[in-house]
Protein backbone atom coordinates (compact mmCIF):
# COMPACT_ATOMS: atom_id res chain seq x y z
CA MET A 1 25.99 33.56 14.41
CA ARG A 2 29.38 32.26 15.61
CA LEU A 3 29.76 31.00 19.17
CA PRO A 4 32.93 31.87 21.07
CA ALA A 5 35.38 29.00 21.48
CA LEU A 6 34.98 28.98 25.29
CA LEU A 7 31.19 28.54 24.99
CA LEU A 8 31.65 25.68 22.52
CA ALA A 9 34.10 24.00 24.92
CA LEU A 10 31.63 24.32 27.80
CA LEU A 11 28.84 22.82 25.69
CA ALA A 12 31.10 19.91 24.74
CA VAL A 13 31.97 19.16 28.38
CA GLY A 14 28.39 19.15 29.69
CA CYS A 15 27.19 19.40 33.28
CA SER A 16 29.09 16.39 34.62
CA GLY A 17 32.48 17.62 33.46
CA ALA A 18 32.90 14.54 31.25
CA PRO A 19 33.17 15.09 27.48
CA VAL A 20 29.88 14.73 25.60
CA GLN A 21 29.98 12.71 22.40
CA LEU A 22 28.19 14.79 19.77
CA ALA A 23 26.98 12.66 16.86
CA HIS A 24 27.88 14.06 13.52
CA PRO A 25 25.43 13.42 10.65
CA ALA A 26 28.28 12.12 8.49
CA ALA A 27 28.79 9.32 11.05
CA GLN A 28 25.34 7.89 10.22
CA LYS A 29 25.45 5.20 7.56
CA ALA A 30 23.16 4.98 4.58
CA THR A 31 20.42 2.40 4.99
CA MET A 32 18.45 0.75 2.19
CA LEU A 33 15.40 -1.47 2.56
CA LYS A 34 13.78 -3.41 -0.27
CA GLY A 35 10.85 -5.74 -0.68
CA GLY A 36 8.78 -6.98 -3.53
CA GLY A 37 7.12 -9.79 -5.36
CA GLU A 38 3.83 -11.30 -6.39
CA PHE A 39 1.36 -11.70 -3.53
CA THR A 40 0.55 -15.34 -2.73
CA ALA A 41 -1.51 -16.94 0.00
CA PHE A 42 1.52 -18.37 1.83
CA GLY A 43 4.51 -16.52 0.40
CA PRO A 44 7.32 -15.68 2.79
CA ASP A 45 8.09 -12.32 1.15
CA ALA A 46 4.77 -11.18 -0.36
CA VAL A 47 1.61 -12.55 1.23
CA THR A 48 -2.04 -11.66 0.69
CA TYR A 49 -4.71 -11.90 3.35
CA ASP A 50 -7.67 -10.86 1.13
CA ARG A 51 -7.85 -12.06 -2.49
CA ARG A 52 -10.96 -9.91 -3.08
CA LEU A 53 -8.85 -6.73 -2.65
CA VAL A 54 -5.45 -8.09 -3.76
CA PRO A 55 -6.25 -10.38 -6.71
CA ALA A 56 -4.12 -13.24 -8.03
CA GLY A 57 -1.19 -11.78 -9.97
CA ALA A 58 -1.04 -8.57 -7.90
CA GLN A 59 2.48 -7.47 -7.05
CA ALA A 60 4.34 -4.67 -5.34
CA SER A 61 7.82 -3.27 -4.96
CA LEU A 62 9.07 -1.04 -2.15
CA THR A 63 12.39 0.76 -1.76
CA THR A 64 13.50 2.88 1.19
CA GLU A 65 16.70 4.87 0.87
CA SER A 66 17.89 6.59 4.02
CA THR A 67 20.90 8.89 4.22
CA PRO A 68 21.85 11.34 6.97
CA GLY A 69 18.92 13.76 7.32
CA GLN A 70 16.65 12.21 4.69
CA THR A 71 14.60 9.07 4.11
CA ILE A 72 12.67 8.45 0.88
CA THR A 73 10.28 5.51 0.60
CA SER A 74 8.69 4.57 -2.75
CA LEU A 75 5.97 2.00 -3.39
CA VAL A 76 4.75 0.71 -6.77
CA VAL A 77 1.82 -1.72 -7.15
CA GLU A 78 0.38 -3.54 -10.17
CA GLY A 79 -2.56 -5.88 -10.66
CA PHE A 80 -4.62 -4.43 -7.80
CA LEU A 81 -8.28 -3.51 -8.25
CA PRO A 82 -8.73 -0.60 -10.67
CA ARG A 83 -9.64 2.88 -9.40
CA ARG A 84 -9.49 1.88 -5.74
CA ALA A 85 -7.96 3.56 -2.68
CA TYR A 86 -5.43 1.63 -0.58
CA GLY A 87 -3.34 2.60 2.44
CA ALA A 88 0.12 1.24 3.21
CA HIS A 89 2.43 1.65 6.20
CA LEU A 90 5.81 0.38 7.32
CA HIS A 91 5.53 -2.07 10.25
CA THR A 92 7.99 -3.31 12.88
CA LYS A 93 7.99 -7.09 12.24
CA PRO A 94 8.20 -9.34 9.17
CA CYS A 95 5.07 -10.64 7.46
CA GLY A 96 3.43 -13.80 8.75
CA ARG A 97 0.44 -16.01 8.12
CA LYS A 98 -1.83 -13.37 9.70
CA GLY A 99 -1.80 -9.62 9.16
CA ASP A 100 -1.21 -8.95 12.85
CA ASP A 101 2.11 -10.85 12.68
CA ALA A 102 3.70 -7.70 11.15
CA GLY A 103 3.32 -5.90 14.47
CA PRO A 104 2.51 -2.20 14.92
CA HIS A 105 3.39 0.70 12.65
CA TYR A 106 7.04 1.68 12.55
CA GLN A 107 7.42 5.03 14.36
CA HIS A 108 10.55 7.12 14.09
CA MET A 109 9.39 9.04 17.18
CA THR A 110 7.82 6.47 19.49
CA GLY A 111 4.23 7.21 20.46
CA GLN A 112 3.64 9.76 17.70
CA VAL A 113 0.94 8.67 15.25
CA ASN A 114 1.33 11.09 12.35
CA PRO A 115 2.87 11.19 8.88
CA ALA A 116 5.99 12.94 10.23
CA SER A 117 6.85 9.97 12.48
CA GLU A 118 5.33 7.07 10.54
CA VAL A 119 5.64 6.16 6.85
CA TRP A 120 2.20 6.44 5.22
CA LEU A 121 1.96 5.48 1.55
CA ASP A 122 -1.66 5.99 0.50
CA LEU A 123 -2.42 5.45 -3.18
CA THR A 124 -5.31 5.15 -5.61
CA THR A 125 -4.87 2.74 -8.49
CA ASP A 126 -5.45 3.71 -12.11
CA ASP A 127 -7.70 1.97 -14.68
CA SER A 128 -5.27 -0.96 -14.93
CA GLY A 129 -4.86 -1.45 -11.15
CA ALA A 130 -1.41 0.18 -10.99
CA GLY A 131 -0.43 2.86 -8.50
CA HIS A 132 2.47 4.44 -6.69
CA ALA A 133 3.22 6.51 -3.60
CA THR A 134 6.28 8.21 -2.16
CA ALA A 135 6.96 9.49 1.37
CA ARG A 136 9.83 11.82 2.30
CA HIS A 137 11.09 12.38 5.83
CA ALA A 138 13.80 14.64 7.28
CA TRP A 139 15.24 11.89 9.47
CA HIS A 140 17.67 9.00 9.12
CA LEU A 141 16.53 5.41 9.47
CA ASP A 142 18.68 3.41 11.90
CA ALA A 143 19.37 -0.02 10.41
CA ALA A 144 19.28 -1.64 13.89
CA GLY A 145 15.69 -0.55 14.49
CA ALA A 146 14.48 -0.49 10.89
CA PRO A 147 10.97 -1.53 9.87
CA ARG A 148 10.66 -5.13 8.72
CA SER A 149 7.55 -5.03 6.51
CA LEU A 150 5.12 -2.99 4.47
CA VAL A 151 1.46 -3.71 5.17
CA VAL A 152 -1.18 -2.82 2.57
CA HIS A 153 -4.47 -1.76 4.13
CA ALA A 154 -8.04 -1.75 2.78
CA ARG A 155 -8.42 2.06 2.63
CA HIS A 156 -6.55 5.36 2.84
CA THR A 157 -5.13 6.39 6.21
CA THR A 158 -7.34 8.40 8.57
CA THR A 159 -5.36 11.57 9.24
CA THR A 160 -7.25 13.20 12.13
CA GLY A 161 -9.30 12.39 15.21
CA PRO A 162 -9.19 9.37 17.49
CA ASP A 163 -8.73 6.97 14.54
CA ALA A 164 -5.71 8.82 13.11
CA GLY A 165 -3.22 6.38 11.60
CA THR A 166 -5.73 3.62 10.90
CA ALA A 167 -6.39 2.41 7.37
CA GLY A 168 -8.71 -0.55 7.70
CA ASP A 169 -7.96 -4.26 7.49
CA ARG A 170 -4.50 -5.60 6.72
CA ILE A 171 -4.92 -7.13 3.27
CA ALA A 172 -1.34 -7.82 2.09
CA CYS A 173 2.24 -7.66 3.33
CA LEU A 174 5.80 -7.40 1.95
CA THR A 175 8.73 -8.50 4.10
CA LEU A 176 11.65 -6.06 3.82
CA SER A 177 15.36 -6.79 3.79
């Protein structure tokens, strides 16, 4: 359906009479986040908080590519416990000496705890302890408010009820750049 030119002009002016700046998707810039490495007890980029669930030699790699209207996040892990479920989420702050240092989950729509607003990357490792997960979203990641870490949790994410969004203890963390 085509809108008449007068109606488009009225929409562009808005109620105050001042022109309204309409953001065009092409004006959004592509954003890429990366993180990875071998998990160590005190590593700045890849830290483990629980060696029982993230053994020595375990490593992970995360890439988030965000373009206007689409964000794709991919996680690959190796050296984790075989045939085990893990949860992983993007968080707001960089990794620290404690799991809580990474802050809360990143939310594209503040206050909404669901896989449409947050980035949930649940995976189950294979016989060798390797696994992968991918999340796709129909929104653009703003570099100024981008997540700063990926936290690996002790179990898959609870998807319903009062515990929705939780995935157990924080057992490892990757700082993103």
